[in-house]
Amino acid sequence: MRYGITGPAEGLTENQERFVADTTLFVLMDSEPMPTEFWSGCAHVVDSIGVYAAERARVPLIGLSVPRVQERGYERPLPSNYKELIKHLGVANYPCVVEEAPPGKDASDGYMKRNSLTVSKIDRLLAFPPTSTPTLRSGTWATIRRARNAGIDIYFYPLNGAKPWVESLDEVERLPL
């Protein structure tokens, strides 16, 4: 079973960060079948917390979907920085694979292509949106929409404390956790 994660790249409180870490670790360690891969879009905060939790849960392989975007006159991240990225995420000595998304027309398109790449690699998505209300112009909700379109099970854990739920391909309605 291949898991992925999505959530805000900034603006979380310490309690919300702890919630993401604890929830992700619990889900990965309590899953049936056990996770075989964990995919992250390499964003700050939620994506990085997910990588740490996957390592602690001993998921056999961590996958990193890397965006290719032009920002401030340079392409980010530079291919030569993959080793530094892996080291920064704390998985330098862990089975890890890096896949680069196709370049985007602009930064926003580059991140959307990264989100699509992440979704193409997973069977289940752990989603940590700020609220349970979908919003446009949100990378988290864009990833959720892509997962829905792909028929992927989505485990929702809103960061505002709203009740978690699952959207499953097997079930038409929302299932409470």
N, C-alpha and C. Protein backbone atom coordinates (compact mmCIF):
# COMPACT_ATOMS: atom_id res chain seq x y z
N MET A 1 0.84 -1.17 0.00
CA MET A 1 0.00 0.00 0.00
C MET A 1 0.89 1.24 0.00
N ARG A 2 0.63 2.13 -0.93
CA ARG A 2 1.46 3.34 -1.10
C ARG A 2 0.69 4.56 -0.58
N TYR A 3 1.29 5.25 0.37
CA TYR A 3 0.66 6.42 0.99
C TYR A 3 1.32 7.70 0.51
N GLY A 4 0.53 8.77 0.53
CA GLY A 4 1.03 10.10 0.27
C GLY A 4 0.44 11.05 1.30
N ILE A 5 0.95 12.27 1.31
CA ILE A 5 0.50 13.26 2.29
C ILE A 5 0.36 14.60 1.61
N THR A 6 -0.59 15.40 2.10
CA THR A 6 -0.74 16.77 1.63
C THR A 6 -1.23 17.63 2.78
N GLY A 7 -0.84 18.87 2.76
CA GLY A 7 -1.24 19.83 3.78
C GLY A 7 -0.50 21.13 3.59
N PRO A 8 -0.80 22.13 4.41
CA PRO A 8 -0.18 23.44 4.25
C PRO A 8 1.34 23.41 4.42
N ALA A 9 2.00 24.30 3.70
CA ALA A 9 3.46 24.41 3.78
C ALA A 9 3.88 25.47 4.78
N GLU A 10 2.91 26.12 5.42
CA GLU A 10 3.24 27.15 6.41
C GLU A 10 2.03 27.44 7.28
N GLY A 11 2.28 28.14 8.37
CA GLY A 11 1.20 28.65 9.20
C GLY A 11 0.60 27.70 10.21
N LEU A 12 1.25 26.58 10.51
CA LEU A 12 0.72 25.66 11.51
C LEU A 12 1.22 26.03 12.90
N THR A 13 0.39 25.80 13.89
CA THR A 13 0.81 25.97 15.27
C THR A 13 1.62 24.75 15.68
N GLU A 14 2.29 24.83 16.83
CA GLU A 14 3.02 23.67 17.34
C GLU A 14 2.08 22.49 17.58
N ASN A 15 0.89 22.78 18.09
CA ASN A 15 -0.08 21.71 18.35
C ASN A 15 -0.53 21.05 17.04
N GLN A 16 -0.72 21.84 15.99
CA GLN A 16 -1.11 21.27 14.70
C GLN A 16 0.02 20.43 14.12
N GLU A 17 1.25 20.89 14.26
CA GLU A 17 2.38 20.10 13.78
C GLU A 17 2.46 18.78 14.53
N ARG A 18 2.25 18.80 15.83
CA ARG A 18 2.27 17.57 16.63
C ARG A 18 1.12 16.66 16.21
N PHE A 19 -0.05 17.24 15.92
CA PHE A 19 -1.21 16.47 15.45
C PHE A 19 -0.88 15.76 14.14
N VAL A 20 -0.25 16.46 13.20
CA VAL A 20 0.12 15.85 11.92
C VAL A 20 1.10 14.70 12.16
N ALA A 21 2.12 14.94 12.98
CA ALA A 21 3.13 13.91 13.24
C ALA A 21 2.52 12.69 13.92
N ASP A 22 1.75 12.91 14.97
CA ASP A 22 1.16 11.79 15.71
C ASP A 22 0.16 11.01 14.86
N THR A 23 -0.69 11.73 14.12
CA THR A 23 -1.71 11.08 13.31
C THR A 23 -1.06 10.28 12.18
N THR A 24 -0.09 10.87 11.51
CA THR A 24 0.58 10.18 10.41
C THR A 24 1.28 8.92 10.91
N LEU A 25 2.00 9.04 12.00
CA LEU A 25 2.69 7.88 12.57
C LEU A 25 1.70 6.79 12.95
N PHE A 26 0.61 7.17 13.62
CA PHE A 26 -0.39 6.18 14.03
C PHE A 26 -0.99 5.48 12.81
N VAL A 27 -1.40 6.24 11.80
CA VAL A 27 -2.02 5.65 10.61
C VAL A 27 -1.05 4.69 9.93
N LEU A 28 0.20 5.10 9.76
CA LEU A 28 1.17 4.24 9.07
C LEU A 28 1.46 2.96 9.86
N MET A 29 1.53 3.07 11.18
CA MET A 29 1.85 1.89 11.99
C MET A 29 0.65 0.96 12.19
N ASP A 30 -0.56 1.49 12.02
CA ASP A 30 -1.76 0.71 12.29
C ASP A 30 -2.46 0.25 11.00
N SER A 31 -1.84 0.47 9.86
CA SER A 31 -2.48 0.18 8.57
C SER A 31 -2.46 -1.29 8.22
N GLU A 32 -3.53 -1.72 7.59
CA GLU A 32 -3.62 -3.05 7.00
C GLU A 32 -4.03 -2.88 5.55
N PRO A 33 -3.28 -3.30 4.59
CA PRO A 33 -1.95 -3.88 4.75
C PRO A 33 -0.93 -2.80 5.12
N MET A 34 0.22 -3.25 5.56
CA MET A 34 1.28 -2.32 5.96
C MET A 34 1.72 -1.47 4.77
N PRO A 35 2.08 -0.22 5.02
CA PRO A 35 2.56 0.64 3.93
C PRO A 35 3.86 0.10 3.32
N THR A 36 3.97 0.16 2.01
CA THR A 36 5.20 -0.24 1.33
C THR A 36 6.00 0.98 0.86
N GLU A 37 5.29 2.10 0.66
CA GLU A 37 5.94 3.34 0.21
C GLU A 37 5.22 4.52 0.85
N PHE A 38 5.96 5.63 1.00
CA PHE A 38 5.37 6.87 1.47
C PHE A 38 5.89 7.99 0.58
N TRP A 39 4.97 8.73 -0.05
CA TRP A 39 5.34 9.78 -0.99
C TRP A 39 5.04 11.17 -0.44
N SER A 40 6.00 12.06 -0.61
CA SER A 40 5.91 13.44 -0.15
C SER A 40 6.23 14.37 -1.31
N GLY A 41 5.55 15.51 -1.31
CA GLY A 41 5.82 16.52 -2.34
C GLY A 41 6.94 17.48 -1.98
N CYS A 42 7.65 17.20 -0.91
CA CYS A 42 8.85 17.96 -0.51
C CYS A 42 8.57 19.40 -0.08
N ALA A 43 7.33 19.71 0.24
CA ALA A 43 7.04 21.05 0.76
C ALA A 43 7.43 21.10 2.23
N HIS A 44 7.50 22.30 2.75
CA HIS A 44 7.81 22.46 4.18
C HIS A 44 6.63 21.98 5.02
N VAL A 45 6.81 21.85 6.25
CA VAL A 45 5.86 21.54 7.31
C VAL A 45 5.19 20.18 7.11
N VAL A 46 3.96 20.10 6.59
CA VAL A 46 3.22 18.83 6.58
C VAL A 46 3.96 17.76 5.79
N ASP A 47 4.44 18.07 4.58
CA ASP A 47 5.16 17.06 3.79
C ASP A 47 6.41 16.56 4.52
N SER A 48 7.15 17.49 5.12
CA SER A 48 8.36 17.11 5.84
C SER A 48 8.04 16.30 7.09
N ILE A 49 7.00 16.70 7.82
CA ILE A 49 6.59 15.95 9.01
C ILE A 49 6.20 14.53 8.61
N GLY A 50 5.53 14.39 7.46
CA GLY A 50 5.15 13.07 6.97
C GLY A 50 6.35 12.19 6.71
N VAL A 51 7.39 12.76 6.13
CA VAL A 51 8.62 11.99 5.86
C VAL A 51 9.22 11.49 7.17
N TYR A 52 9.29 12.36 8.18
CA TYR A 52 9.83 11.94 9.48
C TYR A 52 9.00 10.81 10.08
N ALA A 53 7.66 10.93 9.98
CA ALA A 53 6.78 9.89 10.52
C ALA A 53 6.95 8.58 9.76
N ALA A 54 7.09 8.64 8.45
CA ALA A 54 7.27 7.42 7.65
C ALA A 54 8.57 6.72 8.02
N GLU A 55 9.60 7.49 8.27
CA GLU A 55 10.87 6.90 8.69
C GLU A 55 10.70 6.22 10.06
N ARG A 56 10.04 6.90 10.99
CA ARG A 56 9.81 6.32 12.32
C ARG A 56 8.96 5.06 12.25
N ALA A 57 8.00 5.04 11.30
CA ALA A 57 7.12 3.87 11.14
C ALA A 57 7.80 2.76 10.34
N ARG A 58 9.02 3.01 9.89
CA ARG A 58 9.80 2.03 9.13
C ARG A 58 9.12 1.61 7.83
N VAL A 59 8.49 2.59 7.16
CA VAL A 59 7.97 2.33 5.82
C VAL A 59 9.17 1.99 4.94
N PRO A 60 9.13 0.90 4.18
CA PRO A 60 10.32 0.44 3.46
C PRO A 60 10.93 1.42 2.46
N LEU A 61 10.11 2.30 1.86
CA LEU A 61 10.64 3.21 0.84
C LEU A 61 9.96 4.57 0.96
N ILE A 62 10.76 5.62 0.97
CA ILE A 62 10.23 6.98 0.96
C ILE A 62 10.46 7.55 -0.44
N GLY A 63 9.39 8.07 -1.02
CA GLY A 63 9.46 8.69 -2.34
C GLY A 63 9.27 10.19 -2.22
N LEU A 64 10.06 10.93 -2.97
CA LEU A 64 9.97 12.39 -2.98
C LEU A 64 9.61 12.86 -4.38
N SER A 65 8.47 13.54 -4.51
CA SER A 65 8.06 14.15 -5.77
C SER A 65 8.57 15.58 -5.78
N VAL A 66 9.50 15.87 -6.66
CA VAL A 66 10.17 17.16 -6.65
C VAL A 66 9.59 18.06 -7.73
N PRO A 67 9.13 19.26 -7.35
CA PRO A 67 8.63 20.19 -8.36
C PRO A 67 9.79 20.84 -9.12
N ARG A 68 9.53 21.18 -10.38
CA ARG A 68 10.51 21.96 -11.15
C ARG A 68 9.85 23.29 -11.47
N VAL A 69 10.25 24.31 -10.74
CA VAL A 69 9.65 25.63 -10.91
C VAL A 69 10.74 26.69 -10.99
N GLN A 70 10.43 27.74 -11.73
CA GLN A 70 11.31 28.89 -11.82
C GLN A 70 10.86 29.91 -10.77
N GLU A 71 11.74 30.22 -9.84
CA GLU A 71 11.44 31.24 -8.84
C GLU A 71 12.68 32.09 -8.63
N ARG A 72 12.48 33.38 -8.65
CA ARG A 72 13.57 34.32 -8.41
C ARG A 72 14.77 34.07 -9.31
N GLY A 73 14.48 33.69 -10.57
CA GLY A 73 15.54 33.58 -11.55
C GLY A 73 16.31 32.28 -11.57
N TYR A 74 15.96 31.32 -10.73
CA TYR A 74 16.65 30.03 -10.79
C TYR A 74 15.63 28.90 -10.66
N GLU A 75 16.02 27.75 -11.18
CA GLU A 75 15.14 26.59 -11.08
C GLU A 75 15.31 25.96 -9.72
N ARG A 76 14.18 25.64 -9.10
CA ARG A 76 14.22 25.12 -7.74
C ARG A 76 13.50 23.79 -7.68
N PRO A 77 13.99 22.76 -7.08
CA PRO A 77 15.37 22.62 -6.64
C PRO A 77 16.27 22.23 -7.81
N LEU A 78 17.50 22.58 -7.71
CA LEU A 78 18.46 22.17 -8.73
C LEU A 78 18.74 20.68 -8.58
N PRO A 79 18.84 19.96 -9.70
CA PRO A 79 19.12 18.51 -9.59
C PRO A 79 20.30 18.17 -8.70
N SER A 80 21.32 19.04 -8.67
CA SER A 80 22.48 18.76 -7.82
C SER A 80 22.14 18.85 -6.34
N ASN A 81 20.97 19.41 -6.01
CA ASN A 81 20.59 19.57 -4.61
C ASN A 81 19.79 18.40 -4.06
N TYR A 82 19.56 17.35 -4.86
CA TYR A 82 18.77 16.23 -4.36
C TYR A 82 19.40 15.59 -3.14
N LYS A 83 20.71 15.39 -3.17
CA LYS A 83 21.37 14.80 -2.01
C LYS A 83 21.22 15.71 -0.80
N GLU A 84 21.31 17.01 -1.01
CA GLU A 84 21.13 17.96 0.09
C GLU A 84 19.69 17.94 0.58
N LEU A 85 18.73 17.83 -0.34
CA LEU A 85 17.32 17.74 0.04
C LEU A 85 17.07 16.49 0.89
N ILE A 86 17.58 15.36 0.45
CA ILE A 86 17.41 14.11 1.19
C ILE A 86 18.07 14.22 2.57
N LYS A 87 19.24 14.83 2.61
CA LYS A 87 19.93 15.02 3.89
C LYS A 87 19.12 15.95 4.79
N HIS A 88 18.58 17.03 4.22
CA HIS A 88 17.78 17.98 4.98
C HIS A 88 16.54 17.30 5.57
N LEU A 89 15.91 16.41 4.82
CA LEU A 89 14.73 15.71 5.30
C LEU A 89 15.08 14.60 6.29
N GLY A 90 16.36 14.36 6.49
CA GLY A 90 16.78 13.39 7.49
C GLY A 90 16.70 11.95 7.04
N VAL A 91 16.66 11.72 5.73
CA VAL A 91 16.55 10.35 5.22
C VAL A 91 17.75 9.97 4.35
N ALA A 92 18.89 10.58 4.61
CA ALA A 92 20.08 10.31 3.80
C ALA A 92 20.51 8.85 3.88
N ASN A 93 20.25 8.20 5.00
CA ASN A 93 20.63 6.79 5.16
C ASN A 93 19.42 5.87 5.14
N TYR A 94 18.40 6.28 4.42
CA TYR A 94 17.14 5.54 4.37
C TYR A 94 16.80 5.25 2.91
N PRO A 95 16.17 4.11 2.60
CA PRO A 95 15.80 3.85 1.21
C PRO A 95 14.87 4.95 0.69
N CYS A 96 15.35 5.67 -0.29
CA CYS A 96 14.64 6.86 -0.76
C CYS A 96 14.79 6.97 -2.27
N VAL A 97 13.72 7.37 -2.95
CA VAL A 97 13.77 7.60 -4.38
C VAL A 97 13.24 9.01 -4.64
N VAL A 98 13.86 9.69 -5.58
CA VAL A 98 13.46 11.05 -5.95
C VAL A 98 12.96 11.01 -7.38
N GLU A 99 11.75 11.53 -7.60
CA GLU A 99 11.22 11.65 -8.95
C GLU A 99 10.90 13.11 -9.21
N GLU A 100 11.32 13.59 -10.35
CA GLU A 100 11.16 14.98 -10.71
C GLU A 100 9.92 15.15 -11.57
N ALA A 101 9.06 16.09 -11.20
CA ALA A 101 7.88 16.40 -12.00
C ALA A 101 8.31 17.13 -13.27
N PRO A 102 7.50 17.04 -14.33
CA PRO A 102 7.82 17.82 -15.53
C PRO A 102 7.82 19.31 -15.20
N PRO A 103 8.59 20.10 -15.92
CA PRO A 103 8.61 21.53 -15.64
C PRO A 103 7.25 22.16 -15.93
N GLY A 104 6.89 23.16 -15.15
CA GLY A 104 5.63 23.88 -15.37
C GLY A 104 5.87 25.14 -16.18
N LYS A 105 4.77 25.68 -16.71
CA LYS A 105 4.84 26.94 -17.46
C LYS A 105 5.20 28.10 -16.54
N ASP A 106 4.79 27.97 -15.28
CA ASP A 106 5.09 28.96 -14.25
C ASP A 106 5.16 28.21 -12.91
N ALA A 107 5.40 28.93 -11.83
CA ALA A 107 5.56 28.28 -10.53
C ALA A 107 4.31 27.49 -10.15
N SER A 108 3.14 28.10 -10.30
CA SER A 108 1.90 27.43 -9.93
C SER A 108 1.71 26.13 -10.71
N ASP A 109 1.95 26.17 -12.01
CA ASP A 109 1.82 24.97 -12.85
C ASP A 109 2.85 23.91 -12.45
N GLY A 110 4.04 24.34 -12.09
CA GLY A 110 5.07 23.40 -11.64
C GLY A 110 4.66 22.66 -10.39
N TYR A 111 4.04 23.37 -9.45
CA TYR A 111 3.58 22.71 -8.22
C TYR A 111 2.40 21.79 -8.50
N MET A 112 1.52 22.18 -9.42
CA MET A 112 0.39 21.31 -9.77
C MET A 112 0.88 20.02 -10.43
N LYS A 113 1.92 20.12 -11.25
CA LYS A 113 2.48 18.91 -11.86
C LYS A 113 3.14 18.03 -10.81
N ARG A 114 3.75 18.63 -9.81
CA ARG A 114 4.31 17.87 -8.69
C ARG A 114 3.19 17.15 -7.95
N ASN A 115 2.06 17.86 -7.71
CA ASN A 115 0.92 17.24 -7.03
C ASN A 115 0.39 16.05 -7.83
N SER A 116 0.31 16.21 -9.15
CA SER A 116 -0.17 15.11 -10.01
C SER A 116 0.78 13.93 -9.94
N LEU A 117 2.08 14.20 -9.93
CA LEU A 117 3.07 13.12 -9.83
C LEU A 117 2.89 12.37 -8.51
N THR A 118 2.74 13.10 -7.42
CA THR A 118 2.55 12.46 -6.12
C THR A 118 1.33 11.56 -6.15
N VAL A 119 0.22 12.07 -6.67
CA VAL A 119 -1.03 11.29 -6.71
C VAL A 119 -0.86 10.05 -7.58
N SER A 120 -0.08 10.14 -8.63
CA SER A 120 0.11 8.98 -9.52
C SER A 120 0.89 7.85 -8.84
N LYS A 121 1.53 8.14 -7.72
CA LYS A 121 2.37 7.16 -7.03
C LYS A 121 1.69 6.49 -5.85
N ILE A 122 0.45 6.91 -5.50
CA ILE A 122 -0.13 6.47 -4.23
C ILE A 122 -1.47 5.74 -4.39
N ASP A 123 -1.82 5.01 -3.32
CA ASP A 123 -3.12 4.34 -3.21
C ASP A 123 -4.01 5.02 -2.17
N ARG A 124 -3.39 5.69 -1.20
CA ARG A 124 -4.10 6.38 -0.13
C ARG A 124 -3.43 7.73 0.12
N LEU A 125 -4.28 8.73 0.37
CA LEU A 125 -3.78 10.07 0.65
C LEU A 125 -4.17 10.48 2.06
N LEU A 126 -3.19 10.90 2.85
CA LEU A 126 -3.45 11.51 4.15
C LEU A 126 -3.51 13.01 3.91
N ALA A 127 -4.72 13.58 4.09
CA ALA A 127 -4.93 15.00 3.80
C ALA A 127 -5.14 15.78 5.09
N PHE A 128 -4.36 16.84 5.26
CA PHE A 128 -4.44 17.70 6.43
C PHE A 128 -4.78 19.13 5.98
N PRO A 129 -6.02 19.34 5.47
CA PRO A 129 -6.39 20.69 5.04
C PRO A 129 -6.63 21.59 6.26
N PRO A 130 -6.51 22.91 6.11
CA PRO A 130 -6.76 23.81 7.24
C PRO A 130 -8.17 23.65 7.82
N THR A 131 -9.18 23.45 6.94
CA THR A 131 -10.56 23.24 7.37
C THR A 131 -11.17 22.14 6.50
N SER A 132 -12.41 21.77 6.82
CA SER A 132 -13.09 20.76 6.02
C SER A 132 -13.78 21.36 4.80
N THR A 133 -13.66 22.67 4.61
CA THR A 133 -14.28 23.35 3.48
C THR A 133 -13.27 23.47 2.33
N PRO A 134 -13.59 22.89 1.17
CA PRO A 134 -12.67 23.00 0.03
C PRO A 134 -12.47 24.46 -0.39
N THR A 135 -11.25 24.77 -0.79
CA THR A 135 -10.93 26.12 -1.28
C THR A 135 -10.17 26.01 -2.59
N LEU A 136 -10.36 27.03 -3.43
CA LEU A 136 -9.58 27.13 -4.66
C LEU A 136 -8.26 27.81 -4.33
N ARG A 137 -7.32 27.72 -5.24
CA ARG A 137 -5.99 28.32 -5.06
C ARG A 137 -5.30 27.77 -3.83
N SER A 138 -5.47 26.49 -3.59
CA SER A 138 -4.84 25.81 -2.47
C SER A 138 -4.17 24.56 -2.99
N GLY A 139 -2.87 24.42 -2.76
CA GLY A 139 -2.17 23.22 -3.20
C GLY A 139 -2.69 21.97 -2.52
N THR A 140 -3.09 22.11 -1.25
CA THR A 140 -3.64 20.97 -0.51
C THR A 140 -4.92 20.49 -1.18
N TRP A 141 -5.85 21.41 -1.43
CA TRP A 141 -7.12 21.02 -2.04
C TRP A 141 -6.94 20.62 -3.51
N ALA A 142 -5.96 21.18 -4.20
CA ALA A 142 -5.68 20.75 -5.58
C ALA A 142 -5.23 19.28 -5.58
N THR A 143 -4.41 18.91 -4.61
CA THR A 143 -3.97 17.52 -4.50
C THR A 143 -5.15 16.61 -4.16
N ILE A 144 -6.01 17.06 -3.27
CA ILE A 144 -7.21 16.29 -2.91
C ILE A 144 -8.08 16.08 -4.15
N ARG A 145 -8.30 17.13 -4.94
CA ARG A 145 -9.11 16.99 -6.15
C ARG A 145 -8.49 15.98 -7.12
N ARG A 146 -7.19 16.02 -7.26
CA ARG A 146 -6.51 15.06 -8.14
C ARG A 146 -6.69 13.63 -7.63
N ALA A 147 -6.59 13.45 -6.31
CA ALA A 147 -6.78 12.12 -5.72
C ALA A 147 -8.21 11.63 -5.93
N ARG A 148 -9.17 12.52 -5.76
CA ARG A 148 -10.57 12.14 -6.01
C ARG A 148 -10.76 11.68 -7.45
N ASN A 149 -10.23 12.46 -8.38
CA ASN A 149 -10.36 12.12 -9.80
C ASN A 149 -9.68 10.80 -10.13
N ALA A 150 -8.64 10.45 -9.38
CA ALA A 150 -7.92 9.20 -9.61
C ALA A 150 -8.54 8.02 -8.86
N GLY A 151 -9.57 8.27 -8.06
CA GLY A 151 -10.22 7.19 -7.32
C GLY A 151 -9.41 6.69 -6.13
N ILE A 152 -8.61 7.55 -5.57
CA ILE A 152 -7.75 7.18 -4.44
C ILE A 152 -8.49 7.43 -3.12
N ASP A 153 -8.33 6.52 -2.16
CA ASP A 153 -8.90 6.71 -0.83
C ASP A 153 -8.23 7.90 -0.17
N ILE A 154 -9.04 8.78 0.43
CA ILE A 154 -8.52 9.98 1.07
C ILE A 154 -8.94 9.98 2.53
N TYR A 155 -7.95 10.10 3.40
CA TYR A 155 -8.18 10.18 4.84
C TYR A 155 -8.01 11.65 5.24
N PHE A 156 -9.11 12.28 5.63
CA PHE A 156 -9.11 13.71 5.95
C PHE A 156 -8.93 13.93 7.45
N TYR A 157 -8.01 14.83 7.78
CA TYR A 157 -7.76 15.23 9.17
C TYR A 157 -7.66 16.76 9.19
N PRO A 158 -8.81 17.47 9.20
CA PRO A 158 -8.76 18.93 9.18
C PRO A 158 -8.00 19.49 10.38
N LEU A 159 -7.18 20.49 10.11
CA LEU A 159 -6.33 21.06 11.15
C LEU A 159 -7.08 21.97 12.11
N ASN A 160 -8.32 22.34 11.78
CA ASN A 160 -9.09 23.19 12.68
C ASN A 160 -9.85 22.39 13.73
N GLY A 161 -9.62 21.08 13.78
CA GLY A 161 -10.26 20.24 14.79
C GLY A 161 -11.59 19.64 14.34
N ALA A 162 -12.03 19.90 13.10
CA ALA A 162 -13.26 19.27 12.60
C ALA A 162 -13.08 17.75 12.59
N LYS A 163 -14.19 17.05 12.61
CA LYS A 163 -14.15 15.59 12.69
C LYS A 163 -13.50 14.98 11.44
N PRO A 164 -12.53 14.09 11.62
CA PRO A 164 -11.90 13.41 10.48
C PRO A 164 -12.90 12.50 9.75
N TRP A 165 -12.62 12.23 8.49
CA TRP A 165 -13.45 11.31 7.71
C TRP A 165 -12.63 10.69 6.59
N VAL A 166 -13.19 9.66 5.99
CA VAL A 166 -12.55 8.98 4.86
C VAL A 166 -13.46 9.07 3.66
N GLU A 167 -12.89 9.35 2.52
CA GLU A 167 -13.59 9.21 1.24
C GLU A 167 -12.94 8.03 0.54
N SER A 168 -13.72 7.00 0.35
CA SER A 168 -13.19 5.76 -0.20
C SER A 168 -13.83 5.46 -1.53
N LEU A 169 -13.06 4.90 -2.44
CA LEU A 169 -13.57 4.46 -3.71
C LEU A 169 -14.65 3.40 -3.52
N ASP A 170 -14.52 2.63 -2.44
CA ASP A 170 -15.48 1.57 -2.15
C ASP A 170 -16.78 2.08 -1.57
N GLU A 171 -16.76 3.28 -1.05
CA GLU A 171 -17.95 3.86 -0.40
C GLU A 171 -18.29 5.18 -1.05
N VAL A 172 -19.57 5.37 -1.35
CA VAL A 172 -20.00 6.61 -1.98
C VAL A 172 -20.06 7.74 -0.97
N GLU A 173 -20.41 7.46 0.27
CA GLU A 173 -20.58 8.48 1.26
C GLU A 173 -19.33 8.63 2.14
N ARG A 174 -19.33 9.69 2.91
CA ARG A 174 -18.24 9.91 3.85
C ARG A 174 -18.32 8.92 4.98
N LEU A 175 -17.17 8.37 5.34
CA LEU A 175 -17.10 7.43 6.46
C LEU A 175 -16.38 8.11 7.61
N PRO A 176 -17.00 8.19 8.78
CA PRO A 176 -16.26 8.79 9.91
C PRO A 176 -15.13 7.86 10.33
N LEU A 177 -14.08 8.45 10.83
CA LEU A 177 -12.94 7.67 11.33
C LEU A 177 -13.17 7.25 12.76
